[in-house]
Amino acid sequence: MRQLIFRLQKLDQRLFQWINGRLHNHLLNFFLYYLTHLGGATFTISASLLAWAFGSPSWSTAGAQAAVALAISHIPVAIAKKLYPRIRPYLALPDTNTFRNPLSDHSFPSGHTTAAFATSVPFIAAIPELLPLFLSLSIIVGFSRIYLGLHYPSDVLAGVVIGTSVATMTVAIWT
């Protein structure tokens, strides 16, 4: 079992280094530095609450569900960060590309990715035509976290699972 975990960690590091190192270019640096904020607290909370308060009935319901899913999804994120205090890759791996004001708390799981998926899923459920847009933006947020040197791919995958699961349960219970 230890051997399997070791191999998965090495695969995680290699995938991180490929995304963070080989894919770097000026255009992605610019766009991903800003698009990553679509998973940040300011944007996700504001978007959810604005849709809830001012949206059409379907947008309002989705906004309320997104706000609830966002709040609930960060409970397992906070617990996981305490139970598994993984050092961020830019602190653990030499030659990692990172940007202004990198985070210094624990890496696992990705809170931005969790928030992006927790916020997107209720809108996708309410208006399925939004799936390509919302799914693409959520995936870009997750990818940006790796690209910016802040998370390993497994951190992002855990965020996808947590955010999607909590949002799906929120929507299912709501209806």
Protein backbone atom coordinates (compact mmCIF):
# COMPACT_ATOMS: atom_id res chain seq x y z
CA MET A 1 0.00 0.00 0.00
CA ARG A 2 2.84 2.41 0.81
CA GLN A 3 4.38 1.69 -2.56
CA LEU A 4 1.10 2.61 -4.30
CA ILE A 5 0.80 5.86 -2.34
CA PHE A 6 4.42 6.71 -3.13
CA ARG A 7 3.84 6.10 -6.86
CA LEU A 8 0.67 8.22 -6.85
CA GLN A 9 2.53 11.05 -5.12
CA LYS A 10 5.32 10.88 -7.72
CA LEU A 11 2.76 10.91 -10.55
CA ASP A 12 1.06 13.90 -8.90
CA GLN A 13 4.40 15.75 -8.72
CA ARG A 14 5.33 14.94 -12.33
CA LEU A 15 1.95 16.12 -13.63
CA PHE A 16 2.27 19.27 -11.51
CA GLN A 17 5.76 19.99 -12.86
CA TRP A 18 4.62 19.44 -16.46
CA ILE A 19 1.68 21.86 -16.12
CA ASN A 20 3.55 24.39 -14.00
CA GLY A 21 6.80 24.22 -15.97
CA ARG A 22 6.44 23.19 -19.57
CA LEU A 23 3.15 24.93 -20.30
CA HIS A 24 4.23 28.35 -19.06
CA ASN A 25 3.94 31.24 -21.52
CA HIS A 26 3.13 34.95 -21.33
CA LEU A 27 -0.45 34.67 -22.56
CA LEU A 28 -1.41 31.96 -20.05
CA ASN A 29 0.44 33.83 -17.30
CA PHE A 30 -1.77 36.86 -17.87
CA PHE A 31 -5.12 35.11 -18.29
CA LEU A 32 -4.77 32.43 -15.63
CA TYR A 33 -3.53 34.90 -13.03
CA TYR A 34 -6.86 36.73 -13.35
CA LEU A 35 -9.21 33.83 -14.15
CA THR A 36 -8.14 31.98 -10.99
CA HIS A 37 -10.08 34.62 -9.01
CA LEU A 38 -13.34 33.22 -10.40
CA GLY A 39 -12.94 30.59 -7.67
CA GLY A 40 -12.08 33.06 -4.95
CA ALA A 41 -14.35 33.96 -2.05
CA THR A 42 -15.10 37.50 -3.27
CA PHE A 43 -16.34 36.40 -6.67
CA THR A 44 -18.18 33.21 -5.74
CA ILE A 45 -19.98 34.70 -2.73
CA SER A 46 -20.88 37.88 -4.62
CA ALA A 47 -22.10 36.07 -7.73
CA SER A 48 -24.23 33.66 -5.68
CA LEU A 49 -25.79 36.37 -3.55
CA LEU A 50 -26.41 38.72 -6.49
CA ALA A 51 -28.10 35.97 -8.51
CA TRP A 52 -30.16 35.03 -5.46
CA ALA A 53 -31.23 38.61 -4.74
CA PHE A 54 -31.73 39.99 -8.23
CA GLY A 55 -32.06 37.07 -10.63
CA SER A 56 -35.07 35.65 -12.40
CA PRO A 57 -36.79 32.85 -10.44
CA SER A 58 -34.51 30.12 -11.86
CA TRP A 59 -31.37 32.24 -11.36
CA SER A 60 -32.51 33.21 -7.87
CA THR A 61 -33.01 29.60 -6.82
CA ALA A 62 -29.67 28.59 -8.33
CA GLY A 63 -28.00 31.52 -6.57
CA ALA A 64 -29.46 30.46 -3.21
CA GLN A 65 -28.40 26.84 -3.81
CA ALA A 66 -24.92 27.98 -4.84
CA ALA A 67 -24.58 30.11 -1.69
CA VAL A 68 -25.61 27.19 0.52
CA ALA A 69 -23.38 24.70 -1.35
CA LEU A 70 -20.48 27.15 -1.15
CA ALA A 71 -20.85 27.53 2.61
CA ILE A 72 -21.28 23.81 3.29
CA SER A 73 -18.49 22.71 0.92
CA HIS A 74 -15.89 24.63 2.85
CA ILE A 75 -16.49 22.61 6.00
CA PRO A 76 -14.83 19.47 4.57
CA VAL A 77 -12.16 21.67 2.97
CA ALA A 78 -11.27 23.21 6.34
CA ILE A 79 -11.27 19.78 8.02
CA ALA A 80 -9.07 18.24 5.30
CA LYS A 81 -6.59 21.12 5.49
CA LYS A 82 -6.25 20.47 9.25
CA LEU A 83 -6.06 16.68 8.99
CA TYR A 84 -3.72 16.61 6.00
CA PRO A 85 -1.44 19.68 6.23
CA ARG A 86 0.16 19.33 2.81
CA ILE A 87 2.79 21.93 1.97
CA ARG A 88 2.05 23.92 -1.16
CA PRO A 89 4.06 22.80 -4.19
CA TYR A 90 5.89 26.10 -4.67
CA LEU A 91 7.28 25.65 -1.14
CA ALA A 92 8.10 21.95 -1.57
CA LEU A 93 9.43 21.70 -5.11
CA PRO A 94 12.38 23.74 -6.38
CA ASP A 95 12.00 25.69 -9.63
CA THR A 96 8.22 26.01 -9.30
CA ASN A 97 6.76 28.97 -11.18
CA THR A 98 4.62 31.12 -8.91
CA PHE A 99 3.22 34.63 -8.94
CA ARG A 100 2.53 37.60 -6.67
CA ASN A 101 1.38 36.93 -3.12
CA PRO A 102 1.33 33.13 -3.13
CA LEU A 103 -0.71 31.51 -0.38
CA SER A 104 1.06 29.93 2.56
CA ASP A 105 -1.69 27.84 4.18
CA HIS A 106 -2.09 24.15 3.40
CA SER A 107 -2.53 22.88 -0.12
CA PHE A 108 -4.99 19.99 0.16
CA PRO A 109 -7.73 20.35 -1.07
CA SER A 110 -8.06 23.33 -3.42
CA GLY A 111 -10.58 25.77 -1.95
CA HIS A 112 -10.82 27.78 -5.18
CA THR A 113 -11.66 24.67 -7.19
CA THR A 114 -14.16 23.56 -4.56
CA ALA A 115 -15.82 26.98 -4.68
CA ALA A 116 -15.90 27.11 -8.48
CA PHE A 117 -17.67 23.73 -8.74
CA ALA A 118 -19.93 24.31 -5.73
CA THR A 119 -21.09 27.57 -7.32
CA SER A 120 -21.40 26.28 -10.90
CA VAL A 121 -23.33 23.05 -10.36
CA PRO A 122 -26.60 24.67 -9.17
CA PHE A 123 -26.62 27.01 -12.18
CA ILE A 124 -25.91 24.10 -14.52
CA ALA A 125 -28.75 22.12 -12.90
CA ALA A 126 -31.16 25.05 -13.27
CA ILE A 127 -30.13 26.04 -16.80
CA PRO A 128 -28.47 23.07 -18.55
CA GLU A 129 -27.54 25.23 -21.55
CA LEU A 130 -24.95 26.88 -19.27
CA LEU A 131 -23.03 23.61 -18.85
CA PRO A 132 -20.32 24.35 -21.45
CA LEU A 133 -19.64 27.83 -20.03
CA PHE A 134 -19.77 27.02 -16.33
CA LEU A 135 -17.94 23.70 -16.62
CA SER A 136 -15.21 25.29 -18.75
CA LEU A 137 -14.72 28.15 -16.30
CA SER A 138 -14.61 25.77 -13.33
CA ILE A 139 -12.04 23.57 -15.04
CA ILE A 140 -9.96 26.65 -15.91
CA VAL A 141 -10.00 27.69 -12.24
CA GLY A 142 -8.75 24.25 -11.20
CA PHE A 143 -6.11 24.20 -13.92
CA SER A 144 -4.96 27.71 -12.96
CA ARG A 145 -4.31 26.61 -9.39
CA ILE A 146 -1.78 24.06 -10.68
CA TYR A 147 -0.36 26.40 -13.31
CA LEU A 148 0.20 29.15 -10.69
CA GLY A 149 2.16 26.74 -8.45
CA LEU A 150 -0.40 26.72 -5.63
CA HIS A 151 -1.83 23.18 -5.82
CA TYR A 152 -1.01 19.68 -6.94
CA PRO A 153 -3.41 17.98 -9.38
CA SER A 154 -4.74 15.78 -6.55
CA ASP A 155 -5.61 18.93 -4.55
CA VAL A 156 -7.63 20.16 -7.51
CA LEU A 157 -9.29 16.78 -8.06
CA ALA A 158 -10.32 16.69 -4.40
CA GLY A 159 -11.79 20.18 -4.81
CA VAL A 160 -13.77 19.04 -7.86
CA VAL A 161 -15.17 16.06 -5.93
CA ILE A 162 -16.05 18.06 -2.82
CA GLY A 163 -17.59 21.02 -4.65
CA THR A 164 -19.55 18.89 -7.10
CA SER A 165 -20.77 16.44 -4.45
CA VAL A 166 -21.94 19.09 -2.01
CA ALA A 167 -23.63 21.13 -4.74
CA THR A 168 -25.34 18.06 -6.21
CA MET A 169 -26.65 17.07 -2.76
CA THR A 170 -27.79 20.65 -2.11
CA VAL A 171 -29.75 20.77 -5.37
CA ALA A 172 -31.22 17.29 -4.78
CA ILE A 173 -32.37 18.11 -1.24
CA TRP A 174 -33.70 21.50 -2.34
CA THR A 175 -36.10 20.03 -4.89
